[in-house]
Amino acid sequence: MNSFDDREAKVENISLHIGRRPLLAFGNSDGDLAMLNYTAVGTGRRLALLLHHDDGEREYAYDRDFKLSSLIEGLDVVPKLNGGVLVSMKQDWNRVFPF
């Protein structure tokens, strides 16, 4: 490992390892925001998904005030990106895991 794979380093590592801009990226914290933005600004159709861990019954819920892996900017920025989608664990996960 040459770097801590977080924030802008994710973009550098994507370029290093796959050599082109991805069509799809999925993240769950502000540490993924640079990667999601990098994906979204490419030409053509893009999908930049941000998972909002807002369901404390299914998993740890974390939001703007969570200290370990913050989700502050992403909640505001990702829905404005080209192909940006905010996925709510509480609201949307029943479609993925209906049990």
Protein backbone atom coordinates (compact mmCIF):
# COMPACT_ATOMS: atom_id res chain seq x y z
CA MET A 1 0.00 0.00 0.00
CA ASN A 2 1.44 3.32 -1.04
CA SER A 3 -1.22 5.52 0.52
CA PHE A 4 -4.15 5.65 2.91
CA ASP A 5 -7.04 5.04 0.50
CA ASP A 6 -9.29 7.91 1.55
CA ARG A 7 -10.45 11.24 0.12
CA GLU A 8 -8.32 12.49 -2.81
CA ALA A 9 -6.03 9.45 -2.55
CA LYS A 10 -8.95 7.30 -3.76
CA VAL A 11 -8.97 9.19 -7.06
CA GLU A 12 -5.21 8.73 -7.42
CA ASN A 13 -5.48 5.01 -6.67
CA ILE A 14 -8.35 4.52 -9.12
CA SER A 15 -6.28 6.19 -11.85
CA LEU A 16 -3.25 4.11 -10.89
CA HIS A 17 -5.04 0.76 -10.82
CA ILE A 18 -7.72 0.94 -13.52
CA GLY A 19 -6.33 3.78 -15.60
CA ARG A 20 -9.63 5.45 -16.41
CA ARG A 21 -12.57 7.21 -14.83
CA PRO A 22 -15.19 4.77 -13.48
CA LEU A 23 -18.79 4.78 -14.66
CA LEU A 24 -20.08 3.85 -11.20
CA ALA A 25 -18.87 4.47 -7.66
CA PHE A 26 -20.47 3.65 -4.33
CA GLY A 27 -19.41 5.21 -1.04
CA ASN A 28 -20.67 5.70 2.51
CA SER A 29 -18.76 8.65 3.98
CA ASP A 30 -17.16 11.98 3.17
CA GLY A 31 -13.96 10.02 2.63
CA ASP A 32 -15.58 8.77 -0.60
CA LEU A 33 -16.71 12.19 -1.82
CA ALA A 34 -13.66 12.85 -4.06
CA MET A 35 -14.17 9.44 -5.72
CA LEU A 36 -17.89 10.07 -6.25
CA ASN A 37 -17.22 13.51 -7.71
CA TYR A 38 -14.45 12.11 -9.95
CA THR A 39 -16.89 9.52 -11.28
CA ALA A 40 -19.74 12.00 -11.77
CA VAL A 41 -17.80 14.61 -13.78
CA GLY A 42 -16.96 12.14 -16.56
CA THR A 43 -18.73 12.23 -19.91
CA GLY A 44 -21.73 10.05 -20.61
CA ARG A 45 -24.03 8.43 -18.11
CA ARG A 46 -22.64 8.10 -14.58
CA LEU A 47 -23.82 6.74 -11.26
CA ALA A 48 -22.40 8.03 -7.97
CA LEU A 49 -24.19 6.40 -5.03
CA LEU A 50 -23.77 7.43 -1.40
CA LEU A 51 -25.17 5.09 1.25
CA HIS A 52 -26.62 6.94 4.23
CA HIS A 53 -26.40 4.70 7.29
CA ASP A 54 -29.56 6.04 8.90
CA ASP A 55 -30.99 2.82 10.34
CA GLY A 56 -29.64 1.96 13.77
CA GLU A 57 -31.66 -1.28 13.88
CA ARG A 58 -29.98 -2.83 10.83
CA GLU A 59 -26.49 -1.49 11.44
CA TYR A 60 -24.72 1.39 13.13
CA ALA A 61 -26.40 4.65 12.22
CA TYR A 62 -24.12 7.54 11.50
CA ASP A 63 -24.70 10.99 10.19
CA ARG A 64 -23.31 14.50 10.35
CA ASP A 65 -22.24 14.21 13.99
CA PHE A 66 -20.45 10.84 13.75
CA LYS A 67 -16.75 11.34 14.56
CA LEU A 68 -15.12 8.19 13.17
CA SER A 69 -16.22 8.34 9.52
CA SER A 70 -18.09 11.55 9.01
CA LEU A 71 -20.93 12.10 6.61
CA ILE A 72 -21.30 15.87 6.55
CA GLU A 73 -20.66 17.22 3.05
CA GLY A 74 -21.78 14.13 1.14
CA LEU A 75 -25.42 14.44 2.20
CA ASP A 76 -25.56 17.86 0.55
CA VAL A 77 -23.16 17.38 -2.37
CA VAL A 78 -23.95 13.96 -3.84
CA PRO A 79 -27.61 14.60 -4.77
CA LYS A 80 -26.39 17.57 -6.88
CA LEU A 81 -23.83 15.52 -8.85
CA ASN A 82 -24.46 14.18 -12.35
CA GLY A 83 -25.83 10.73 -11.57
CA GLY A 84 -25.58 11.37 -7.83
CA VAL A 85 -27.99 9.35 -5.70
CA LEU A 86 -28.35 9.31 -1.93
CA VAL A 87 -29.40 5.83 -0.78
CA SER A 88 -31.11 5.60 2.61
CA MET A 89 -30.48 2.36 4.46
CA LYS A 90 -33.71 2.92 6.39
CA GLN A 91 -35.93 3.77 3.42
CA ASP A 92 -34.31 2.03 0.44
CA TRP A 93 -32.77 -1.14 1.88
CA ASN A 94 -36.16 -2.91 2.02
CA ARG A 95 -36.08 -2.94 -1.78
CA VAL A 96 -32.70 -4.67 -1.74
CA PHE A 97 -33.26 -6.94 1.27
CA PRO A 98 -37.05 -7.29 1.70
CA PHE A 99 -36.96 -9.63 4.72
